[in-house]
N, C-alpha and C. Protein backbone atom coordinates (compact mmCIF):
# COMPACT_ATOMS: atom_id res chain seq x y z
N MET A 1 263.97 180.11 239.77
CA MET A 1 265.08 179.24 239.49
C MET A 1 264.61 178.04 238.66
N PHE A 2 263.52 177.41 239.08
CA PHE A 2 262.99 176.25 238.36
C PHE A 2 262.56 176.64 236.96
N ALA A 3 261.88 177.78 236.83
CA ALA A 3 261.39 178.22 235.52
C ALA A 3 262.56 178.47 234.57
N LEU A 4 263.64 179.05 235.06
CA LEU A 4 264.80 179.30 234.22
C LEU A 4 265.42 177.98 233.76
N ALA A 5 265.53 177.04 234.66
CA ALA A 5 266.09 175.73 234.30
C ALA A 5 265.23 175.05 233.24
N VAL A 6 263.92 175.16 233.38
CA VAL A 6 263.00 174.56 232.41
C VAL A 6 263.21 175.19 231.04
N ARG A 7 263.30 176.52 230.98
CA ARG A 7 263.49 177.21 229.71
C ARG A 7 264.79 176.81 229.03
N LEU A 8 265.86 176.73 229.81
CA LEU A 8 267.15 176.36 229.24
C LEU A 8 267.13 174.93 228.70
N ILE A 9 266.51 174.04 229.42
CA ILE A 9 266.48 172.65 228.99
C ILE A 9 265.60 172.50 227.75
N LEU A 10 264.46 173.19 227.72
CA LEU A 10 263.61 173.12 226.54
C LEU A 10 264.31 173.71 225.32
N LEU A 11 265.09 174.76 225.52
CA LEU A 11 265.86 175.33 224.42
C LEU A 11 266.88 174.32 223.90
N LEU A 12 267.55 173.63 224.82
CA LEU A 12 268.52 172.61 224.43
C LEU A 12 267.83 171.50 223.64
N LEU A 13 266.67 171.07 224.09
CA LEU A 13 265.95 170.02 223.39
C LEU A 13 265.50 170.48 222.01
N ALA A 14 265.17 171.75 221.87
CA ALA A 14 264.76 172.28 220.57
C ALA A 14 265.92 172.27 219.58
N ILE A 15 267.13 172.37 220.09
CA ILE A 15 268.31 172.39 219.22
C ILE A 15 268.59 171.00 218.65
N VAL A 16 268.31 169.96 219.41
CA VAL A 16 268.61 168.60 218.96
C VAL A 16 267.89 168.26 217.65
N PRO A 17 266.57 168.56 217.51
CA PRO A 17 265.94 168.26 216.22
C PRO A 17 266.54 169.06 215.06
N LEU A 18 266.97 170.29 215.32
CA LEU A 18 267.60 171.07 214.26
C LEU A 18 268.90 170.42 213.81
N ARG A 19 269.67 169.94 214.76
CA ARG A 19 270.90 169.25 214.42
C ARG A 19 270.61 167.95 213.69
N ALA A 20 269.47 167.33 214.01
CA ALA A 20 269.12 166.07 213.37
C ALA A 20 268.97 166.26 211.86
N GLN A 21 268.48 167.40 211.44
CA GLN A 21 268.31 167.66 210.01
C GLN A 21 269.66 167.89 209.34
N ASP A 22 270.59 168.51 210.05
CA ASP A 22 271.88 168.84 209.46
C ASP A 22 272.87 167.68 209.54
N GLU A 23 273.03 167.12 210.72
CA GLU A 23 274.09 166.15 210.95
C GLU A 23 273.59 164.72 211.15
N GLN A 24 272.28 164.53 211.22
CA GLN A 24 271.70 163.22 211.44
C GLN A 24 272.29 162.51 212.67
N PRO A 25 272.08 163.05 213.88
CA PRO A 25 272.59 162.37 215.07
C PRO A 25 271.82 161.07 215.28
N GLY A 26 272.44 160.17 215.99
CA GLY A 26 271.77 158.92 216.30
C GLY A 26 270.70 159.13 217.35
N ILE A 27 269.85 158.15 217.46
CA ILE A 27 268.78 158.24 218.45
C ILE A 27 269.36 158.30 219.86
N ASP A 28 270.54 157.72 220.04
CA ASP A 28 271.16 157.73 221.38
C ASP A 28 271.40 159.15 221.87
N GLU A 29 271.79 160.05 220.96
CA GLU A 29 272.02 161.44 221.33
C GLU A 29 270.71 162.12 221.74
N ILE A 30 269.63 161.81 221.03
CA ILE A 30 268.33 162.39 221.34
C ILE A 30 267.82 161.86 222.67
N ILE A 31 268.00 160.56 222.91
CA ILE A 31 267.60 159.96 224.19
C ILE A 31 268.38 160.60 225.33
N ALA A 32 269.67 160.77 225.13
CA ALA A 32 270.52 161.37 226.16
C ALA A 32 270.09 162.79 226.48
N ALA A 33 269.69 163.55 225.45
CA ALA A 33 269.25 164.93 225.68
C ALA A 33 267.98 164.95 226.52
N ARG A 34 267.03 164.06 226.22
CA ARG A 34 265.80 164.00 227.01
C ARG A 34 266.09 163.58 228.45
N ASP A 35 266.91 162.54 228.60
CA ASP A 35 267.23 162.07 229.94
C ASP A 35 267.95 163.15 230.76
N ALA A 36 268.82 163.90 230.11
CA ALA A 36 269.51 165.00 230.80
C ALA A 36 268.52 166.09 231.19
N SER A 37 267.56 166.35 230.32
CA SER A 37 266.55 167.36 230.63
C SER A 37 265.72 166.94 231.84
N ILE A 38 265.30 165.69 231.86
CA ILE A 38 264.50 165.21 232.99
C ILE A 38 265.33 165.23 234.27
N ALA A 39 266.59 164.87 234.17
CA ALA A 39 267.46 164.94 235.35
C ALA A 39 267.57 166.38 235.84
N GLY A 40 267.64 167.33 234.93
CA GLY A 40 267.67 168.75 235.31
C GLY A 40 266.38 169.18 235.98
N PHE A 41 265.25 168.72 235.46
CA PHE A 41 263.96 169.03 236.08
C PHE A 41 263.90 168.46 237.50
N ARG A 42 264.36 167.23 237.65
CA ARG A 42 264.34 166.60 238.98
C ARG A 42 265.25 167.35 239.95
N ALA A 43 266.41 167.76 239.47
CA ALA A 43 267.34 168.50 240.32
C ALA A 43 266.74 169.84 240.75
N ALA A 44 266.05 170.51 239.82
CA ALA A 44 265.41 171.78 240.16
C ALA A 44 264.29 171.57 241.17
N ARG A 45 263.51 170.51 241.00
CA ARG A 45 262.44 170.21 241.96
C ARG A 45 263.03 169.90 243.33
N LYS A 46 264.09 169.13 243.35
CA LYS A 46 264.74 168.77 244.61
C LYS A 46 265.32 170.00 245.30
N ALA A 47 265.94 170.89 244.53
CA ALA A 47 266.52 172.10 245.11
C ALA A 47 265.44 173.02 245.68
N THR A 48 264.34 173.17 244.95
CA THR A 48 263.25 174.01 245.43
C THR A 48 262.64 173.43 246.69
N SER A 49 262.43 172.12 246.71
CA SER A 49 261.88 171.46 247.89
C SER A 49 262.81 171.59 249.09
N ALA A 50 264.09 171.44 248.85
CA ALA A 50 265.08 171.57 249.93
C ALA A 50 265.09 172.99 250.48
N GLU A 51 264.98 173.97 249.60
CA GLU A 51 264.95 175.37 250.04
C GLU A 51 263.72 175.63 250.90
N CYS A 52 262.57 175.11 250.47
CA CYS A 52 261.34 175.27 251.26
C CYS A 52 261.47 174.59 252.62
N ARG A 53 262.05 173.39 252.63
CA ARG A 53 262.22 172.64 253.88
C ARG A 53 263.16 173.40 254.82
N THR A 54 264.26 173.91 254.30
CA THR A 54 265.22 174.63 255.12
C THR A 54 264.58 175.88 255.74
N THR A 55 263.83 176.60 254.94
CA THR A 55 263.16 177.81 255.44
C THR A 55 262.18 177.46 256.56
N TYR A 56 261.40 176.42 256.36
CA TYR A 56 260.43 176.02 257.37
C TYR A 56 261.12 175.50 258.63
N LEU A 57 262.20 174.77 258.48
CA LEU A 57 262.94 174.29 259.65
C LEU A 57 263.49 175.46 260.47
N ARG A 58 263.91 176.52 259.80
CA ARG A 58 264.38 177.71 260.53
C ARG A 58 263.25 178.33 261.35
N VAL A 59 262.06 178.39 260.76
CA VAL A 59 260.89 178.93 261.48
C VAL A 59 260.60 178.05 262.69
N LEU A 60 260.64 176.74 262.50
CA LEU A 60 260.39 175.82 263.62
C LEU A 60 261.45 175.98 264.72
N ASP A 61 262.71 176.09 264.33
CA ASP A 61 263.79 176.27 265.31
C ASP A 61 263.59 177.57 266.11
N ALA A 62 263.22 178.63 265.42
CA ALA A 62 262.98 179.91 266.10
C ALA A 62 261.81 179.80 267.07
N ALA A 63 260.76 179.11 266.64
CA ALA A 63 259.59 178.93 267.52
C ALA A 63 259.93 178.07 268.72
N LEU A 64 260.78 177.08 268.54
CA LEU A 64 261.19 176.22 269.66
C LEU A 64 261.97 177.03 270.70
N LYS A 65 262.78 177.98 270.25
CA LYS A 65 263.57 178.79 271.18
C LYS A 65 262.69 179.68 272.04
N THR A 66 261.57 180.11 271.49
CA THR A 66 260.72 181.05 272.23
C THR A 66 259.51 180.39 272.89
N SER A 67 259.33 179.11 272.66
CA SER A 67 258.16 178.41 273.21
C SER A 67 258.34 178.16 274.70
N SER A 68 257.28 178.48 275.45
CA SER A 68 257.34 178.23 276.90
C SER A 68 256.29 177.21 277.34
N ASP A 69 255.33 176.94 276.48
CA ASP A 69 254.27 175.99 276.79
C ASP A 69 254.74 174.57 276.42
N ALA A 70 254.58 173.62 277.35
CA ALA A 70 255.06 172.25 277.13
C ALA A 70 254.34 171.58 275.96
N ALA A 71 253.04 171.79 275.84
CA ALA A 71 252.28 171.15 274.76
C ALA A 71 252.70 171.71 273.40
N THR A 72 252.90 173.02 273.33
CA THR A 72 253.33 173.64 272.08
C THR A 72 254.74 173.19 271.72
N THR A 73 255.60 173.12 272.73
CA THR A 73 256.98 172.67 272.49
C THR A 73 256.98 171.23 271.96
N ALA A 74 256.14 170.38 272.53
CA ALA A 74 256.07 168.99 272.06
C ALA A 74 255.56 168.93 270.62
N ALA A 75 254.56 169.74 270.31
CA ALA A 75 254.02 169.78 268.94
C ALA A 75 255.09 170.29 267.96
N LEU A 76 255.84 171.30 268.39
CA LEU A 76 256.90 171.84 267.53
C LEU A 76 258.01 170.80 267.30
N HIS A 77 258.40 170.09 268.35
CA HIS A 77 259.42 169.04 268.20
C HIS A 77 258.93 167.94 267.25
N LYS A 78 257.69 167.52 267.42
CA LYS A 78 257.12 166.49 266.57
C LYS A 78 257.10 166.95 265.11
N GLU A 79 256.69 168.19 264.89
CA GLU A 79 256.64 168.75 263.54
C GLU A 79 258.04 168.84 262.94
N ARG A 80 258.99 169.33 263.73
CA ARG A 80 260.35 169.48 263.22
C ARG A 80 260.95 168.13 262.86
N ASP A 81 260.77 167.15 263.73
CA ASP A 81 261.30 165.82 263.44
C ASP A 81 260.66 165.23 262.18
N GLY A 82 259.37 165.43 262.03
CA GLY A 82 258.68 164.92 260.85
C GLY A 82 259.14 165.59 259.56
N ILE A 83 259.33 166.90 259.60
CA ILE A 83 259.79 167.63 258.42
C ILE A 83 261.23 167.22 258.09
N ALA A 84 262.07 167.11 259.09
CA ALA A 84 263.46 166.73 258.87
C ALA A 84 263.56 165.33 258.27
N ASP A 85 262.65 164.43 258.67
CA ASP A 85 262.66 163.06 258.17
C ASP A 85 261.84 162.89 256.89
N GLY A 86 261.10 163.94 256.51
CA GLY A 86 260.28 163.87 255.30
C GLY A 86 259.02 163.04 255.48
N LEU A 87 258.50 162.99 256.70
CA LEU A 87 257.36 162.12 257.00
C LEU A 87 256.10 162.86 257.42
N VAL A 88 255.95 164.11 257.06
CA VAL A 88 254.80 164.89 257.50
C VAL A 88 253.81 165.05 256.34
N ALA A 89 252.56 164.77 256.65
CA ALA A 89 251.49 164.94 255.65
C ALA A 89 250.98 166.37 255.70
N PRO A 90 250.41 166.88 254.61
CA PRO A 90 249.98 168.28 254.59
C PRO A 90 248.70 168.58 255.36
N ALA A 91 248.17 167.63 256.11
CA ALA A 91 246.98 167.92 256.92
C ALA A 91 247.34 168.96 257.98
N ASP A 92 246.34 169.69 258.46
CA ASP A 92 246.60 170.72 259.46
C ASP A 92 247.22 170.12 260.72
N ALA A 93 248.27 170.74 261.16
CA ALA A 93 248.92 170.30 262.40
C ALA A 93 248.23 170.96 263.58
N ILE A 94 248.00 170.21 264.61
CA ILE A 94 247.31 170.72 265.79
C ILE A 94 248.35 171.15 266.82
N GLY A 95 248.09 172.29 267.43
CA GLY A 95 248.96 172.75 268.51
C GLY A 95 250.11 173.62 268.09
N LEU A 96 250.16 174.01 266.84
CA LEU A 96 251.25 174.89 266.40
C LEU A 96 250.80 176.35 266.51
N PRO A 97 251.71 177.24 266.86
CA PRO A 97 251.38 178.66 266.89
C PRO A 97 250.96 179.15 265.50
N ALA A 98 250.24 180.24 265.45
CA ALA A 98 249.70 180.75 264.18
C ALA A 98 250.79 181.06 263.16
N ASP A 99 251.91 181.66 263.61
CA ASP A 99 252.97 181.98 262.66
C ASP A 99 253.63 180.73 262.08
N VAL A 100 253.74 179.69 262.89
CA VAL A 100 254.31 178.42 262.41
C VAL A 100 253.32 177.74 261.46
N ALA A 101 252.04 177.79 261.79
CA ALA A 101 251.02 177.21 260.91
C ALA A 101 251.03 177.89 259.55
N ALA A 102 251.22 179.19 259.54
CA ALA A 102 251.30 179.93 258.27
C ALA A 102 252.55 179.51 257.49
N ALA A 103 253.67 179.39 258.18
CA ALA A 103 254.91 178.96 257.52
C ALA A 103 254.78 177.53 257.00
N ARG A 104 254.02 176.72 257.70
CA ARG A 104 253.76 175.34 257.29
C ARG A 104 253.00 175.32 255.96
N ARG A 105 251.99 176.18 255.85
CA ARG A 105 251.23 176.26 254.60
C ARG A 105 252.13 176.73 253.45
N VAL A 106 252.99 177.70 253.74
CA VAL A 106 253.93 178.18 252.71
C VAL A 106 254.86 177.04 252.28
N PHE A 107 255.33 176.27 253.24
CA PHE A 107 256.20 175.12 252.95
C PHE A 107 255.51 174.13 252.00
N PHE A 108 254.32 173.71 252.38
CA PHE A 108 253.62 172.72 251.55
C PHE A 108 253.20 173.29 250.19
N ASN A 109 252.86 174.57 250.15
CA ASN A 109 252.55 175.20 248.86
C ASN A 109 253.79 175.23 247.97
N GLY A 110 254.94 175.54 248.53
CA GLY A 110 256.19 175.58 247.76
C GLY A 110 256.59 174.23 247.23
N VAL A 111 256.49 173.21 248.08
CA VAL A 111 256.84 171.86 247.65
C VAL A 111 255.84 171.37 246.60
N GLY A 112 254.57 171.68 246.80
CA GLY A 112 253.56 171.30 245.83
C GLY A 112 253.76 171.98 244.49
N LYS A 113 254.11 173.27 244.53
CA LYS A 113 254.35 174.00 243.28
C LYS A 113 255.55 173.43 242.54
N ALA A 114 256.58 173.04 243.28
CA ALA A 114 257.75 172.43 242.64
C ALA A 114 257.36 171.14 241.91
N SER A 115 256.49 170.36 242.52
CA SER A 115 256.03 169.12 241.88
C SER A 115 255.16 169.41 240.66
N VAL A 116 254.29 170.39 240.78
CA VAL A 116 253.43 170.77 239.65
C VAL A 116 254.29 171.30 238.50
N ASP A 117 255.27 172.13 238.81
CA ASP A 117 256.16 172.67 237.77
C ASP A 117 256.93 171.54 237.08
N PHE A 118 257.40 170.57 237.87
CA PHE A 118 258.11 169.42 237.31
C PHE A 118 257.20 168.66 236.35
N ASP A 119 255.99 168.37 236.80
CA ASP A 119 255.05 167.60 235.97
C ASP A 119 254.73 168.33 234.67
N ALA A 120 254.51 169.66 234.76
CA ALA A 120 254.20 170.44 233.56
C ALA A 120 255.39 170.47 232.59
N ALA A 121 256.57 170.66 233.13
CA ALA A 121 257.77 170.71 232.28
C ALA A 121 258.02 169.35 231.63
N LYS A 122 257.84 168.28 232.37
CA LYS A 122 258.05 166.94 231.83
C LYS A 122 257.01 166.64 230.75
N LYS A 123 255.78 167.06 230.98
CA LYS A 123 254.73 166.83 229.99
C LYS A 123 255.06 167.55 228.68
N LYS A 124 255.50 168.80 228.77
CA LYS A 124 255.88 169.55 227.56
C LYS A 124 257.08 168.92 226.89
N LEU A 125 258.06 168.54 227.69
CA LEU A 125 259.25 167.90 227.15
C LEU A 125 258.88 166.60 226.43
N ASP A 126 258.02 165.79 227.04
CA ASP A 126 257.62 164.53 226.43
C ASP A 126 256.87 164.76 225.12
N ALA A 127 256.02 165.78 225.08
CA ALA A 127 255.29 166.08 223.84
C ALA A 127 256.27 166.47 222.73
N ASP A 128 257.22 167.33 223.06
CA ASP A 128 258.22 167.74 222.07
C ASP A 128 259.10 166.55 221.65
N TYR A 129 259.42 165.72 222.61
CA TYR A 129 260.25 164.54 222.35
C TYR A 129 259.54 163.57 221.41
N LEU A 130 258.26 163.35 221.66
CA LEU A 130 257.49 162.45 220.79
C LEU A 130 257.41 163.00 219.37
N LYS A 131 257.28 164.33 219.24
CA LYS A 131 257.29 164.93 217.90
C LYS A 131 258.64 164.69 217.21
N THR A 132 259.71 164.86 217.97
CA THR A 132 261.05 164.63 217.42
C THR A 132 261.21 163.18 216.99
N LEU A 133 260.73 162.26 217.82
CA LEU A 133 260.82 160.84 217.47
C LEU A 133 259.99 160.52 216.22
N SER A 134 258.83 161.13 216.11
CA SER A 134 257.99 160.89 214.94
C SER A 134 258.67 161.40 213.66
N LYS A 135 259.31 162.55 213.74
CA LYS A 135 260.03 163.07 212.57
C LYS A 135 261.19 162.14 212.20
N LEU A 136 261.89 161.68 213.21
CA LEU A 136 263.01 160.77 212.96
C LEU A 136 262.50 159.45 212.39
N GLN A 137 261.38 158.99 212.89
CA GLN A 137 260.81 157.74 212.40
C GLN A 137 260.41 157.86 210.93
N ALA A 138 259.85 158.99 210.56
CA ALA A 138 259.46 159.21 209.17
C ALA A 138 260.67 159.23 208.24
N GLN A 139 261.80 159.70 208.74
CA GLN A 139 263.02 159.77 207.93
C GLN A 139 263.73 158.43 207.82
N SER A 140 263.39 157.50 208.70
CA SER A 140 264.18 156.25 208.77
C SER A 140 263.31 155.02 208.55
N LYS A 141 262.48 155.05 207.56
CA LYS A 141 261.57 153.92 207.31
C LYS A 141 262.32 152.65 206.91
N ARG A 142 263.50 152.77 206.36
CA ARG A 142 264.24 151.59 205.89
C ARG A 142 265.10 150.95 206.98
N ASP A 143 265.35 151.68 208.05
CA ASP A 143 266.23 151.19 209.11
C ASP A 143 265.39 150.53 210.21
N LYS A 144 265.32 149.21 210.19
CA LYS A 144 264.47 148.46 211.14
C LYS A 144 264.97 148.59 212.57
N LYS A 145 266.28 148.61 212.75
CA LYS A 145 266.84 148.74 214.09
C LYS A 145 266.46 150.09 214.71
N LEU A 146 266.58 151.14 213.92
CA LEU A 146 266.21 152.47 214.40
C LEU A 146 264.72 152.55 214.68
N ALA A 147 263.92 151.95 213.82
CA ALA A 147 262.47 151.95 214.03
C ALA A 147 262.12 151.24 215.34
N ALA A 148 262.82 150.17 215.65
CA ALA A 148 262.59 149.45 216.91
C ALA A 148 262.99 150.30 218.11
N GLN A 149 264.11 151.01 217.98
CA GLN A 149 264.55 151.90 219.07
C GLN A 149 263.53 153.01 219.30
N ILE A 150 263.02 153.57 218.21
CA ILE A 150 262.04 154.66 218.33
C ILE A 150 260.77 154.13 218.98
N ALA A 151 260.33 152.96 218.58
CA ALA A 151 259.12 152.37 219.17
C ALA A 151 259.33 152.12 220.66
N ALA A 152 260.51 151.64 221.03
CA ALA A 152 260.81 151.40 222.45
C ALA A 152 260.81 152.71 223.23
N GLU A 153 261.35 153.77 222.64
CA GLU A 153 261.36 155.08 223.30
C GLU A 153 259.94 155.62 223.48
N LYS A 154 259.12 155.44 222.47
CA LYS A 154 257.73 155.90 222.57
C LYS A 154 257.00 155.15 223.69
N ARG A 155 257.26 153.87 223.81
CA ARG A 155 256.66 153.09 224.92
C ARG A 155 257.17 153.60 226.27
N ARG A 156 258.46 153.88 226.33
CA ARG A 156 259.05 154.37 227.59
C ARG A 156 258.40 155.68 228.01
N VAL A 157 258.17 156.56 227.07
CA VAL A 157 257.53 157.85 227.37
C VAL A 157 256.08 157.62 227.79
N ALA A 158 255.40 156.72 227.09
CA ALA A 158 253.99 156.43 227.43
C ALA A 158 253.87 155.84 228.83
N GLU A 159 254.89 155.12 229.28
CA GLU A 159 254.89 154.53 230.61
C GLU A 159 255.29 155.55 231.69
N GLY A 160 255.67 156.73 231.27
CA GLY A 160 256.02 157.78 232.22
C GLY A 160 257.46 157.74 232.70
N LYS A 161 258.29 157.03 232.01
CA LYS A 161 259.70 156.91 232.42
C LYS A 161 260.55 157.94 231.76
């Protein structure tokens, strides 16, 4: 799902520079396309993380129903509360059954992959965006206002925003 969203957004961003040659859109349109792409990447990361969290919470709920040991039940409750609140670190949890520990690793791997995919997609998007800005800057040497906007955008990208 995330990979498909990334491809569609990168395709959309590739279209903007082509339109720039034909119709000369303003920098505001190019900025909006990048911002929309990043919002799409964030939404995909959030959806993937939520899916991983939901799956892991189901495993925890099932384990809680079948748990008969008080210490294991307490560990499961603590883990579930932490996952539901988003406050659990990926360190090994002590006292969890083997199947829950395996599901925990899958959860953290999925959330981590979503973050890595987001970072990679944003890095590629930013590289393409900077190329587009450079082309636009070369075409607009006489327009000081546009040159200032482009410089501000390049700074924004360099700052990771």
